[in-house]
N, C-alpha and C. Protein backbone atom coordinates (compact mmCIF):
# COMPACT_ATOMS: atom_id res chain seq x y z
N MET A 1 -23.73 87.29 -61.68
CA MET A 1 -23.68 86.10 -62.49
C MET A 1 -22.59 85.15 -62.02
N LYS A 2 -21.48 85.72 -61.58
CA LYS A 2 -20.36 84.91 -61.12
C LYS A 2 -20.79 84.02 -59.95
N GLU A 3 -21.54 84.59 -59.01
CA GLU A 3 -21.99 83.84 -57.84
C GLU A 3 -22.96 82.73 -58.24
N LEU A 4 -23.83 83.02 -59.20
CA LEU A 4 -24.79 82.01 -59.68
C LEU A 4 -24.06 80.82 -60.27
N LEU A 5 -23.07 81.08 -61.10
CA LEU A 5 -22.29 80.01 -61.72
C LEU A 5 -21.54 79.20 -60.68
N GLU A 6 -20.99 79.87 -59.67
CA GLU A 6 -20.28 79.17 -58.59
C GLU A 6 -21.22 78.23 -57.84
N VAL A 7 -22.41 78.70 -57.50
CA VAL A 7 -23.38 77.88 -56.76
C VAL A 7 -23.78 76.66 -57.57
N ILE A 8 -24.06 76.85 -58.84
CA ILE A 8 -24.45 75.73 -59.70
C ILE A 8 -23.32 74.70 -59.78
N ALA A 9 -22.11 75.16 -60.06
CA ALA A 9 -20.97 74.26 -60.23
C ALA A 9 -20.63 73.53 -58.93
N LYS A 10 -20.64 74.23 -57.81
CA LYS A 10 -20.28 73.60 -56.53
C LYS A 10 -21.27 72.52 -56.13
N ASN A 11 -22.52 72.63 -56.56
CA ASN A 11 -23.51 71.62 -56.25
C ASN A 11 -23.46 70.41 -57.18
N LEU A 12 -22.73 70.52 -58.26
CA LEU A 12 -22.61 69.42 -59.21
C LEU A 12 -21.40 68.53 -58.95
N VAL A 13 -20.33 69.09 -58.41
CA VAL A 13 -19.04 68.40 -58.34
C VAL A 13 -18.80 67.73 -56.99
N ASP A 14 -17.80 66.83 -56.96
CA ASP A 14 -17.39 66.16 -55.72
C ASP A 14 -16.39 67.00 -54.93
N HIS A 15 -15.68 67.89 -55.61
CA HIS A 15 -14.66 68.74 -54.97
C HIS A 15 -15.03 70.21 -55.14
N PRO A 16 -15.99 70.70 -54.35
CA PRO A 16 -16.44 72.10 -54.53
C PRO A 16 -15.36 73.13 -54.21
N GLU A 17 -14.36 72.73 -53.42
CA GLU A 17 -13.29 73.68 -53.09
C GLU A 17 -12.40 73.98 -54.30
N ALA A 18 -12.47 73.13 -55.33
CA ALA A 18 -11.64 73.32 -56.52
C ALA A 18 -12.34 74.17 -57.59
N VAL A 19 -13.58 74.57 -57.35
CA VAL A 19 -14.32 75.36 -58.32
C VAL A 19 -13.81 76.81 -58.29
N VAL A 20 -13.42 77.30 -59.48
CA VAL A 20 -12.94 78.68 -59.61
C VAL A 20 -13.65 79.32 -60.80
N VAL A 21 -14.25 80.47 -60.55
CA VAL A 21 -14.91 81.22 -61.63
C VAL A 21 -14.22 82.57 -61.76
N THR A 22 -13.73 82.85 -62.96
CA THR A 22 -13.11 84.15 -63.22
C THR A 22 -13.96 84.91 -64.22
N GLU A 23 -14.01 86.20 -64.04
CA GLU A 23 -14.83 87.06 -64.88
C GLU A 23 -13.93 87.97 -65.71
N LYS A 24 -14.16 87.98 -67.02
CA LYS A 24 -13.38 88.82 -67.93
C LYS A 24 -14.33 89.68 -68.75
N GLN A 25 -14.02 90.95 -68.85
CA GLN A 25 -14.81 91.84 -69.69
C GLN A 25 -14.26 91.78 -71.11
N GLU A 26 -15.11 91.46 -72.06
CA GLU A 26 -14.73 91.41 -73.46
C GLU A 26 -15.64 92.34 -74.24
N GLU A 27 -15.30 92.59 -75.50
CA GLU A 27 -16.10 93.52 -76.28
C GLU A 27 -17.49 92.98 -76.60
N LYS A 28 -17.65 91.66 -76.65
CA LYS A 28 -18.98 91.09 -76.92
C LYS A 28 -19.82 90.90 -75.65
N GLY A 29 -19.22 91.08 -74.50
CA GLY A 29 -19.93 90.93 -73.23
C GLY A 29 -19.00 90.44 -72.14
N ILE A 30 -19.58 89.87 -71.12
CA ILE A 30 -18.82 89.33 -70.00
C ILE A 30 -18.60 87.84 -70.21
N CYS A 31 -17.37 87.40 -70.04
CA CYS A 31 -17.03 85.98 -70.18
C CYS A 31 -16.72 85.42 -68.80
N LEU A 32 -17.46 84.41 -68.39
CA LEU A 32 -17.21 83.72 -67.13
C LEU A 32 -16.50 82.41 -67.45
N GLU A 33 -15.32 82.24 -66.89
CA GLU A 33 -14.54 81.03 -67.12
C GLU A 33 -14.65 80.14 -65.89
N LEU A 34 -15.12 78.92 -66.09
CA LEU A 34 -15.32 77.97 -65.01
C LEU A 34 -14.22 76.92 -65.04
N LYS A 35 -13.52 76.77 -63.92
CA LYS A 35 -12.50 75.74 -63.78
C LYS A 35 -12.89 74.82 -62.63
N VAL A 36 -12.79 73.51 -62.87
CA VAL A 36 -13.08 72.52 -61.84
C VAL A 36 -11.95 71.51 -61.81
N ALA A 37 -11.97 70.63 -60.81
CA ALA A 37 -10.97 69.57 -60.72
C ALA A 37 -11.12 68.65 -61.94
N PRO A 38 -10.01 68.10 -62.44
CA PRO A 38 -10.06 67.25 -63.63
C PRO A 38 -11.04 66.07 -63.50
N GLU A 39 -11.15 65.49 -62.32
CA GLU A 39 -12.05 64.34 -62.16
C GLU A 39 -13.52 64.76 -62.12
N ASP A 40 -13.80 66.05 -61.97
CA ASP A 40 -15.17 66.56 -61.96
C ASP A 40 -15.60 67.11 -63.32
N MET A 41 -14.71 67.14 -64.27
CA MET A 41 -15.01 67.73 -65.57
C MET A 41 -16.20 67.04 -66.25
N GLY A 42 -16.29 65.73 -66.14
CA GLY A 42 -17.39 64.99 -66.75
C GLY A 42 -18.74 65.35 -66.15
N LYS A 43 -18.75 65.65 -64.87
CA LYS A 43 -20.00 66.01 -64.20
C LYS A 43 -20.48 67.39 -64.63
N VAL A 44 -19.56 68.27 -64.93
CA VAL A 44 -19.92 69.62 -65.35
C VAL A 44 -20.34 69.64 -66.82
N ILE A 45 -19.70 68.82 -67.64
CA ILE A 45 -20.03 68.79 -69.06
C ILE A 45 -21.26 67.92 -69.31
N GLY A 46 -21.31 66.76 -68.69
CA GLY A 46 -22.46 65.87 -68.86
C GLY A 46 -22.40 65.09 -70.16
N LYS A 47 -23.32 64.16 -70.28
CA LYS A 47 -23.38 63.32 -71.47
C LYS A 47 -23.81 64.18 -72.67
N ASP A 48 -23.01 64.14 -73.72
CA ASP A 48 -23.23 64.93 -74.94
C ASP A 48 -23.29 66.43 -74.65
N GLY A 49 -22.70 66.88 -73.54
CA GLY A 49 -22.66 68.30 -73.23
C GLY A 49 -23.96 68.87 -72.72
N ARG A 50 -24.87 68.02 -72.26
CA ARG A 50 -26.19 68.50 -71.84
C ARG A 50 -26.13 69.36 -70.58
N ILE A 51 -25.32 68.98 -69.62
CA ILE A 51 -25.21 69.76 -68.38
C ILE A 51 -24.60 71.13 -68.69
N ALA A 52 -23.54 71.16 -69.48
CA ALA A 52 -22.90 72.42 -69.85
C ALA A 52 -23.88 73.33 -70.57
N LYS A 53 -24.67 72.78 -71.46
CA LYS A 53 -25.66 73.56 -72.18
C LYS A 53 -26.71 74.12 -71.22
N ALA A 54 -27.13 73.31 -70.26
CA ALA A 54 -28.12 73.76 -69.28
C ALA A 54 -27.55 74.88 -68.41
N ILE A 55 -26.28 74.75 -68.00
CA ILE A 55 -25.64 75.80 -67.20
C ILE A 55 -25.60 77.10 -67.99
N ARG A 56 -25.19 77.00 -69.25
CA ARG A 56 -25.12 78.20 -70.09
C ARG A 56 -26.50 78.84 -70.26
N THR A 57 -27.54 78.02 -70.41
CA THR A 57 -28.90 78.53 -70.58
C THR A 57 -29.37 79.27 -69.34
N VAL A 58 -29.12 78.71 -68.17
CA VAL A 58 -29.55 79.35 -66.92
C VAL A 58 -28.83 80.67 -66.72
N VAL A 59 -27.51 80.69 -66.94
CA VAL A 59 -26.75 81.92 -66.76
C VAL A 59 -27.17 82.97 -67.78
N LYS A 60 -27.41 82.55 -69.01
CA LYS A 60 -27.83 83.49 -70.04
C LYS A 60 -29.21 84.07 -69.72
N ALA A 61 -30.12 83.24 -69.23
CA ALA A 61 -31.44 83.72 -68.86
C ALA A 61 -31.36 84.72 -67.70
N ALA A 62 -30.51 84.45 -66.74
CA ALA A 62 -30.33 85.37 -65.62
C ALA A 62 -29.68 86.67 -66.07
N SER A 63 -28.83 86.61 -67.08
CA SER A 63 -28.15 87.83 -67.55
C SER A 63 -29.12 88.77 -68.28
N PHE A 64 -30.18 88.23 -68.88
CA PHE A 64 -31.16 89.08 -69.54
C PHE A 64 -31.85 89.99 -68.53
N LYS A 65 -31.99 89.51 -67.32
CA LYS A 65 -32.62 90.29 -66.26
C LYS A 65 -31.80 91.53 -65.94
N GLU A 66 -30.49 91.44 -66.09
CA GLU A 66 -29.59 92.56 -65.80
C GLU A 66 -29.17 93.32 -67.06
N ASP A 67 -29.78 92.99 -68.19
CA ASP A 67 -29.47 93.65 -69.48
C ASP A 67 -27.99 93.58 -69.84
N SER A 68 -27.40 92.41 -69.69
CA SER A 68 -26.00 92.23 -70.07
C SER A 68 -25.85 90.90 -70.79
N LYS A 69 -24.80 90.79 -71.60
CA LYS A 69 -24.51 89.53 -72.29
C LYS A 69 -23.43 88.81 -71.51
N VAL A 70 -23.71 87.58 -71.13
CA VAL A 70 -22.76 86.78 -70.36
C VAL A 70 -22.55 85.47 -71.10
N PHE A 71 -21.28 85.08 -71.24
CA PHE A 71 -20.91 83.84 -71.89
C PHE A 71 -20.16 82.96 -70.89
N VAL A 72 -20.42 81.67 -70.90
CA VAL A 72 -19.76 80.72 -69.99
C VAL A 72 -18.78 79.89 -70.78
N ASP A 73 -17.53 79.86 -70.31
CA ASP A 73 -16.47 79.06 -70.91
C ASP A 73 -15.99 78.07 -69.87
N ILE A 74 -16.06 76.78 -70.20
CA ILE A 74 -15.62 75.74 -69.27
C ILE A 74 -14.21 75.34 -69.66
N ALA A 75 -13.27 75.60 -68.75
CA ALA A 75 -11.85 75.34 -69.03
C ALA A 75 -11.41 74.03 -68.41
């Protein structure tokens, strides 16, 4: 899941070298924290949060295939 989130984020932003995804195990599932350059934050969130919602939907759908719960946090 971490690699999927990295690929999606790097293709959205102007500074792909600044994309960092960290994975944390929590009791409710796996939390993926996405960090991007401050000037790319708008591209990752999108208008009214539509891009962020789409990213979360894709990652969540992919996580069902592996029988795990994955949550995306954009920092």
